[in-house]
Amino acid sequence: MDRFHTEHQPLVLTVPGLDNSGPGHWQSLWEETRLDCHRVDLGRWHNPNRNAWVTRLDAAIRQIDGPVILAAHSLGCIAVAWWGALQNQAYGWPVVGALLVAPPDCDRSETPDSIGGFGPIPRSHLPFPSILVASRDDPYIFFERAHSLGKYWGSSFVDAGHCGHINAASDLGEWAFGQQLLERLIAQDQRSLSRDPAARSAMHWAAPARAASRTAHP
């Protein structure tokens, strides 16, 4: 479902993981087919740095004059978790929701150095509604561990079945199920807006003052 981004409709920022998302990845396909999806350029895709990624994510969010939904995959989920733990945004603004797909376990002893610097994984609730999607045969995290991350972050947990790492190799195409979950987050935000538009307006005008005091350096 395509839609234009407006001051009331959230913009979806896709947040890839290690090595970025290639042309067959659902994030790339969403960006091609949806008018509301745009990728965050985190830089250093093959040699990521937690501080740099969180800083770039923060900069991308602050550039948007309106509500934001994050659609993150793999290591991008951990970057989102760190951003949520380090920022002092009011609950639900400017990030109004996040779809967190296949986060890796950065705390395992066998974690490769390329992602180990993102641990220990934050255990604080995220300051926005979120959905964590996990596969039962993801090679980068045990299913039970993914469920625990969802509890730490206050996320709704979704069992994706046996989809590997839920990436291009999973052959999901545009991943209709994932888009349904994304639409759920968008609809939740729109219901919240319809109930109390004055609260959205107040948060919008307060955002510049909060942004001036924020830091994105773990």
C-alpha atoms as a PDB file:
ATOM      1  CA  MET A   1       0.000   0.000   0.000  1.00  0.00           C
ATOM      2  CA  ASP A   2       1.574   3.263  -1.139  1.00  0.00           C
ATOM      3  CA  ARG A   3       1.109   6.544   0.642  1.00  0.00           C
ATOM      4  CA  PHE A   4       2.668   9.973   0.636  1.00  0.00           C
ATOM      5  CA  HIS A   5       4.309  11.194   3.818  1.00  0.00           C
ATOM      6  CA  THR A   6       2.590  14.197   5.394  1.00  0.00           C
ATOM      7  CA  GLU A   7       2.883  16.006   8.704  1.00  0.00           C
ATOM      8  CA  HIS A   8       0.314  13.528  10.060  1.00  0.00           C
ATOM      9  CA  GLN A   9       1.309  10.348   8.217  1.00  0.00           C
ATOM     10  CA  PRO A  10       4.500   8.742   9.547  1.00  0.00           C
ATOM     11  CA  LEU A  11       7.605   8.480   7.411  1.00  0.00           C
ATOM     12  CA  VAL A  12       9.099   4.992   7.555  1.00  0.00           C
ATOM     13  CA  LEU A  13      12.870   4.920   7.950  1.00  0.00           C
ATOM     14  CA  THR A  14      14.381   1.559   7.057  1.00  0.00           C
ATOM     15  CA  VAL A  15      17.410   0.707   9.191  1.00  0.00           C
ATOM     16  CA  PRO A  16      19.522  -2.110   7.668  1.00  0.00           C
ATOM     17  CA  GLY A  17      22.005  -4.297   9.476  1.00  0.00           C
ATOM     18  CA  LEU A  18      25.556  -5.460   8.801  1.00  0.00           C
ATOM     19  CA  ASP A  19      26.620  -5.154   5.137  1.00  0.00           C
ATOM     20  CA  ASN A  20      23.478  -3.144   4.281  1.00  0.00           C
ATOM     21  CA  SER A  21      20.417  -4.626   2.538  1.00  0.00           C
ATOM     22  CA  GLY A  22      20.831  -5.695  -1.083  1.00  0.00           C
ATOM     23  CA  PRO A  23      18.347  -5.487  -3.971  1.00  0.00           C
ATOM     24  CA  GLY A  24      16.475  -8.667  -2.997  1.00  0.00           C
ATOM     25  CA  HIS A  25      15.960  -7.681   0.614  1.00  0.00           C
ATOM     26  CA  TRP A  26      12.442  -6.756   1.760  1.00  0.00           C
ATOM     27  CA  GLN A  27      13.699  -3.374   2.973  1.00  0.00           C
ATOM     28  CA  SER A  28      14.996  -2.534  -0.505  1.00  0.00           C
ATOM     29  CA  LEU A  29      11.771  -3.726  -2.125  1.00  0.00           C
ATOM     30  CA  TRP A  30       9.668  -1.653   0.263  1.00  0.00           C
ATOM     31  CA  GLU A  31      11.690   1.416  -0.643  1.00  0.00           C
ATOM     32  CA  GLU A  32      10.997   0.722  -4.318  1.00  0.00           C
ATOM     33  CA  THR A  33       7.262   0.118  -3.986  1.00  0.00           C
ATOM     34  CA  ARG A  34       6.171   2.293  -1.054  1.00  0.00           C
ATOM     35  CA  LEU A  35       6.222   6.075  -1.136  1.00  0.00           C
ATOM     36  CA  ASP A  36       6.654   6.340   2.628  1.00  0.00           C
ATOM     37  CA  CYS A  37       9.891   4.321   2.998  1.00  0.00           C
ATOM     38  CA  HIS A  38      13.376   5.806   2.980  1.00  0.00           C
ATOM     39  CA  ARG A  39      16.687   4.249   4.039  1.00  0.00           C
ATOM     40  CA  VAL A  40      18.958   5.585   6.764  1.00  0.00           C
ATOM     41  CA  ASP A  41      22.572   5.720   5.584  1.00  0.00           C
ATOM     42  CA  LEU A  42      24.387   4.481   8.681  1.00  0.00           C
ATOM     43  CA  GLY A  43      27.773   4.301   6.957  1.00  0.00           C
ATOM     44  CA  ARG A  44      30.545   1.795   7.634  1.00  0.00           C
ATOM     45  CA  TRP A  45      28.237  -1.008   6.534  1.00  0.00           C
ATOM     46  CA  HIS A  46      30.981  -3.649   6.557  1.00  0.00           C
ATOM     47  CA  ASN A  47      32.718  -2.423   9.702  1.00  0.00           C
ATOM     48  CA  PRO A  48      29.972  -0.881  11.848  1.00  0.00           C
ATOM     49  CA  ASN A  49      30.577   1.253  14.890  1.00  0.00           C
ATOM     50  CA  ARG A  50      27.858   1.549  17.512  1.00  0.00           C
ATOM     51  CA  ASN A  51      28.489   5.203  18.331  1.00  0.00           C
ATOM     52  CA  ALA A  52      28.573   6.213  14.664  1.00  0.00           C
ATOM     53  CA  TRP A  53      25.421   4.276  13.811  1.00  0.00           C
ATOM     54  CA  VAL A  54      23.431   5.712  16.721  1.00  0.00           C
ATOM     55  CA  THR A  55      24.609   9.220  15.848  1.00  0.00           C
ATOM     56  CA  ARG A  56      23.619   8.845  12.186  1.00  0.00           C
ATOM     57  CA  LEU A  57      20.255   7.359  13.120  1.00  0.00           C
ATOM     58  CA  ASP A  58      19.618  10.275  15.463  1.00  0.00           C
ATOM     59  CA  ALA A  59      20.529  12.766  12.737  1.00  0.00           C
ATOM     60  CA  ALA A  60      18.158  11.087  10.259  1.00  0.00           C
ATOM     61  CA  ILE A  61      15.282  11.181  12.743  1.00  0.00           C
ATOM     62  CA  ARG A  62      15.878  14.834  13.609  1.00  0.00           C
ATOM     63  CA  GLN A  63      15.804  15.843   9.939  1.00  0.00           C
ATOM     64  CA  ILE A  64      12.159  14.777   9.637  1.00  0.00           C
ATOM     65  CA  ASP A  65       9.501  17.323  10.495  1.00  0.00           C
ATOM     66  CA  GLY A  66       6.831  14.858  11.529  1.00  0.00           C
ATOM     67  CA  PRO A  67       6.212  11.384  12.940  1.00  0.00           C
ATOM     68  CA  VAL A  68       8.669   8.567  12.235  1.00  0.00           C
ATOM     69  CA  ILE A  69       8.355   4.790  12.211  1.00  0.00           C
ATOM     70  CA  LEU A  70      11.538   2.720  12.156  1.00  0.00           C
ATOM     71  CA  ALA A  71      11.648  -0.544  10.179  1.00  0.00           C
ATOM     72  CA  ALA A  72      14.889  -2.169  11.286  1.00  0.00           C
ATOM     73  CA  HIS A  73      16.546  -5.449  10.397  1.00  0.00           C
ATOM     74  CA  SER A  74      19.244  -7.430  12.187  1.00  0.00           C
ATOM     75  CA  LEU A  75      21.976  -5.211  13.659  1.00  0.00           C
ATOM     76  CA  GLY A  76      19.834  -2.202  12.792  1.00  0.00           C
ATOM     77  CA  CYS A  77      17.473  -3.348  15.569  1.00  0.00           C
ATOM     78  CA  ILE A  78      20.279  -3.096  18.108  1.00  0.00           C
ATOM     79  CA  ALA A  79      21.122   0.397  16.859  1.00  0.00           C
ATOM     80  CA  VAL A  80      17.468   1.344  17.371  1.00  0.00           C
ATOM     81  CA  ALA A  81      17.534  -0.133  20.884  1.00  0.00           C
ATOM     82  CA  TRP A  82      20.618   1.930  21.717  1.00  0.00           C
ATOM     83  CA  TRP A  83      19.018   5.063  20.279  1.00  0.00           C
ATOM     84  CA  GLY A  84      15.923   4.482  22.398  1.00  0.00           C
ATOM     85  CA  ALA A  85      18.013   3.909  25.519  1.00  0.00           C
ATOM     86  CA  LEU A  86      20.107   7.038  25.020  1.00  0.00           C
ATOM     87  CA  GLN A  87      17.522   9.585  23.873  1.00  0.00           C
ATOM     88  CA  ASN A  88      15.071  11.416  26.095  1.00  0.00           C
ATOM     89  CA  GLN A  89      12.185  11.673  23.673  1.00  0.00           C
ATOM     90  CA  ALA A  90       8.692  11.793  25.140  1.00  0.00           C
ATOM     91  CA  TYR A  91       6.915   8.469  24.711  1.00  0.00           C
ATOM     92  CA  GLY A  92       5.748   8.191  21.120  1.00  0.00           C
ATOM     93  CA  TRP A  93       7.324  11.319  19.578  1.00  0.00           C
ATOM     94  CA  PRO A  94       9.000  11.861  17.168  1.00  0.00           C
ATOM     95  CA  VAL A  95       9.423   8.104  16.763  1.00  0.00           C
ATOM     96  CA  VAL A  96       5.885   6.766  16.996  1.00  0.00           C
ATOM     97  CA  GLY A  97       6.707   3.078  16.457  1.00  0.00           C
ATOM     98  CA  ALA A  98       9.262   0.526  15.345  1.00  0.00           C
ATOM     99  CA  LEU A  99       9.233  -2.794  13.510  1.00  0.00           C
ATOM    100  CA  LEU A 100      12.241  -4.766  14.757  1.00  0.00           C
ATOM    101  CA  VAL A 101      13.023  -7.770  12.588  1.00  0.00           C
ATOM    102  CA  ALA A 102      15.510 -10.529  13.439  1.00  0.00           C
ATOM    103  CA  PRO A 103      17.784  -8.795  15.958  1.00  0.00           C
ATOM    104  CA  PRO A 104      21.048 -10.710  16.449  1.00  0.00           C
ATOM    105  CA  ASP A 105      22.355 -11.703  19.852  1.00  0.00           C
ATOM    106  CA  CYS A 106      25.406  -9.493  20.337  1.00  0.00           C
ATOM    107  CA  ASP A 107      26.036 -10.865  23.830  1.00  0.00           C
ATOM    108  CA  ARG A 108      26.927 -14.473  22.981  1.00  0.00           C
ATOM    109  CA  SER A 109      30.504 -15.546  23.574  1.00  0.00           C
ATOM    110  CA  GLU A 110      30.828 -16.587  19.927  1.00  0.00           C
ATOM    111  CA  THR A 111      29.579 -13.233  18.625  1.00  0.00           C
ATOM    112  CA  PRO A 112      31.868 -12.012  15.814  1.00  0.00           C
ATOM    113  CA  ASP A 113      33.841  -8.840  16.418  1.00  0.00           C
ATOM    114  CA  SER A 114      31.942  -7.102  13.609  1.00  0.00           C
ATOM    115  CA  ILE A 115      28.834  -6.866  15.785  1.00  0.00           C
ATOM    116  CA  GLY A 116      30.184  -7.557  19.276  1.00  0.00           C
ATOM    117  CA  GLY A 117      30.813  -3.864  19.844  1.00  0.00           C
ATOM    118  CA  PHE A 118      27.050  -3.308  19.937  1.00  0.00           C
ATOM    119  CA  GLY A 119      26.733  -5.299  23.172  1.00  0.00           C
ATOM    120  CA  PRO A 120      25.712  -5.497  25.864  1.00  0.00           C
ATOM    121  CA  ILE A 121      22.234  -5.191  24.386  1.00  0.00           C
ATOM    122  CA  PRO A 122      20.144  -2.517  26.164  1.00  0.00           C
ATOM    123  CA  ARG A 123      17.436  -3.886  28.444  1.00  0.00           C
ATOM    124  CA  SER A 124      15.335  -0.748  28.871  1.00  0.00           C
ATOM    125  CA  HIS A 125      11.834  -0.299  27.456  1.00  0.00           C
ATOM    126  CA  LEU A 126      11.756   1.615  24.201  1.00  0.00           C
ATOM    127  CA  PRO A 127      10.082   5.039  24.286  1.00  0.00           C
ATOM    128  CA  PHE A 128       7.638   4.076  21.528  1.00  0.00           C
ATOM    129  CA  PRO A 129       5.398   1.126  20.596  1.00  0.00           C
ATOM    130  CA  SER A 130       7.289  -1.673  18.870  1.00  0.00           C
ATOM    131  CA  ILE A 131       6.855  -5.098  17.308  1.00  0.00           C
ATOM    132  CA  LEU A 132       9.702  -7.613  17.440  1.00  0.00           C
ATOM    133  CA  VAL A 133       9.620 -10.319  14.766  1.00  0.00           C
ATOM    134  CA  ALA A 134      11.714 -13.455  15.267  1.00  0.00           C
ATOM    135  CA  SER A 135      12.310 -16.616  13.251  1.00  0.00           C
ATOM    136  CA  ARG A 136      12.553 -20.037  14.872  1.00  0.00           C
ATOM    137  CA  ASP A 137      15.659 -20.967  12.872  1.00  0.00           C
ATOM    138  CA  ASP A 138      17.551 -17.684  12.840  1.00  0.00           C
ATOM    139  CA  PRO A 139      21.266 -18.602  12.995  1.00  0.00           C
ATOM    140  CA  TYR A 140      22.143 -15.369  14.797  1.00  0.00           C
ATOM    141  CA  ILE A 141      19.860 -15.686  17.825  1.00  0.00           C
ATOM    142  CA  PHE A 142      18.022 -18.381  19.714  1.00  0.00           C
ATOM    143  CA  PHE A 143      14.250 -18.015  19.498  1.00  0.00           C
ATOM    144  CA  GLU A 144      13.884 -17.872  23.290  1.00  0.00           C
ATOM    145  CA  ARG A 145      16.541 -15.157  23.490  1.00  0.00           C
ATOM    146  CA  ALA A 146      14.666 -13.085  20.912  1.00  0.00           C
ATOM    147  CA  HIS A 147      11.549 -13.408  23.050  1.00  0.00           C
ATOM    148  CA  SER A 148      13.540 -12.104  26.025  1.00  0.00           C
ATOM    149  CA  LEU A 149      14.698  -9.078  24.037  1.00  0.00           C
ATOM    150  CA  GLY A 150      11.059  -8.326  23.275  1.00  0.00           C
ATOM    151  CA  LYS A 151      10.298  -8.314  26.993  1.00  0.00           C
ATOM    152  CA  TYR A 152      13.239  -6.041  27.750  1.00  0.00           C
ATOM    153  CA  TRP A 153      12.170  -3.554  25.093  1.00  0.00           C
ATOM    154  CA  GLY A 154       8.433  -3.715  25.829  1.00  0.00           C
ATOM    155  CA  SER A 155       7.744  -5.006  22.315  1.00  0.00           C
ATOM    156  CA  SER A 156       4.863  -7.066  21.031  1.00  0.00           C
ATOM    157  CA  PHE A 157       6.403 -10.379  19.988  1.00  0.00           C
ATOM    158  CA  VAL A 158       5.602 -12.054  16.662  1.00  0.00           C
ATOM    159  CA  ASP A 159       6.621 -15.597  15.723  1.00  0.00           C
ATOM    160  CA  ALA A 160       7.612 -15.602  12.031  1.00  0.00           C
ATOM    161  CA  GLY A 161       7.953 -19.372  11.867  1.00  0.00           C
ATOM    162  CA  HIS A 162      10.972 -20.819  10.072  1.00  0.00           C
ATOM    163  CA  CYS A 163      12.325 -17.968   7.935  1.00  0.00           C
ATOM    164  CA  GLY A 164      16.028 -18.031   8.683  1.00  0.00           C
ATOM    165  CA  HIS A 165      17.369 -14.524   9.270  1.00  0.00           C
ATOM    166  CA  ILE A 166      14.337 -12.951   7.546  1.00  0.00           C
ATOM    167  CA  ASN A 167      16.571 -11.466   4.877  1.00  0.00           C
ATOM    168  CA  ALA A 168      17.054 -11.756   1.111  1.00  0.00           C
ATOM    169  CA  ALA A 169      18.146 -15.395   1.496  1.00  0.00           C
ATOM    170  CA  SER A 170      14.757 -16.122   3.065  1.00  0.00           C
ATOM    171  CA  ASP A 171      13.159 -15.399  -0.338  1.00  0.00           C
ATOM    172  CA  LEU A 172      10.326 -13.332   1.110  1.00  0.00           C
ATOM    173  CA  GLY A 173       9.935 -10.935  -1.789  1.00  0.00           C
ATOM    174  CA  GLU A 174       8.147  -7.798  -0.614  1.00  0.00           C
ATOM    175  CA  TRP A 175       7.268  -9.690   2.583  1.00  0.00           C
ATOM    176  CA  ALA A 176       3.535  -9.060   2.747  1.00  0.00           C
ATOM    177  CA  PHE A 177       3.345 -10.277   6.351  1.00  0.00           C
ATOM    178  CA  GLY A 178       5.937  -7.704   7.423  1.00  0.00           C
ATOM    179  CA  GLN A 179       4.005  -4.964   5.643  1.00  0.00           C
ATOM    180  CA  GLN A 180       0.881  -6.001   7.536  1.00  0.00           C
ATOM    181  CA  LEU A 181       2.783  -5.518  10.786  1.00  0.00           C
ATOM    182  CA  LEU A 182       4.049  -2.144   9.572  1.00  0.00           C
ATOM    183  CA  GLU A 183       0.500  -1.105   8.720  1.00  0.00           C
ATOM    184  CA  ARG A 184      -0.525  -2.125  12.232  1.00  0.00           C
ATOM    185  CA  LEU A 185       1.968   0.360  13.671  1.00  0.00           C
ATOM    186  CA  ILE A 186       0.826   3.076  11.274  1.00  0.00           C
ATOM    187  CA  ALA A 187      -2.824   2.469  12.137  1.00  0.00           C
ATOM    188  CA  GLN A 188      -2.020   2.550  15.848  1.00  0.00           C
ATOM    189  CA  ASP A 189      -0.404   5.945  15.441  1.00  0.00           C
ATOM    190  CA  GLN A 190      -3.339   7.260  13.421  1.00  0.00           C
ATOM    191  CA  ARG A 191      -5.814   6.087  16.075  1.00  0.00           C
ATOM    192  CA  SER A 192      -3.744   7.847  18.720  1.00  0.00           C
ATOM    193  CA  LEU A 193      -3.732  11.024  16.629  1.00  0.00           C
ATOM    194  CA  SER A 194      -7.498  10.927  16.094  1.00  0.00           C
ATOM    195  CA  ARG A 195      -8.090  10.558  19.826  1.00  0.00           C
ATOM    196  CA  ASP A 196      -5.905  13.505  20.846  1.00  0.00           C
ATOM    197  CA  PRO A 197      -4.585  15.696  17.998  1.00  0.00           C
ATOM    198  CA  ALA A 198      -3.739  18.486  20.464  1.00  0.00           C
ATOM    199  CA  ALA A 199      -1.233  16.217  22.218  1.00  0.00           C
ATOM    200  CA  ARG A 200       0.529  15.521  18.899  1.00  0.00           C
ATOM    201  CA  SER A 201       0.738  19.236  18.203  1.00  0.00           C
ATOM    202  CA  ALA A 202       2.182  19.925  21.651  1.00  0.00           C
ATOM    203  CA  MET A 203       4.833  17.236  21.243  1.00  0.00           C
ATOM    204  CA  HIS A 204       5.698  18.557  17.781  1.00  0.00           C
ATOM    205  CA  TRP A 205       6.410  22.071  19.044  1.00  0.00           C
ATOM    206  CA  ALA A 206       8.306  20.800  22.073  1.00  0.00           C
ATOM    207  CA  ALA A 207      10.623  18.627  19.944  1.00  0.00           C
ATOM    208  CA  PRO A 208      13.172  21.359  19.015  1.00  0.00           C
ATOM    209  CA  ALA A 209      13.778  22.182  22.668  1.00  0.00           C
ATOM    210  CA  ARG A 210      14.358  18.546  23.542  1.00  0.00           C
ATOM    211  CA  ALA A 211      16.559  17.986  20.495  1.00  0.00           C
ATOM    212  CA  ALA A 212      18.897  20.754  21.596  1.00  0.00           C
ATOM    213  CA  SER A 213      19.644  18.902  24.823  1.00  0.00           C
ATOM    214  CA  ARG A 214      19.991  15.431  23.349  1.00  0.00           C
ATOM    215  CA  THR A 215      23.214  13.548  22.863  1.00  0.00           C
ATOM    216  CA  ALA A 216      23.727  10.547  20.633  1.00  0.00           C
ATOM    217  CA  HIS A 217      27.091   9.409  21.919  1.00  0.00           C
ATOM    218  CA  PRO A 218      26.985   6.130  23.937  1.00  0.00           C
END
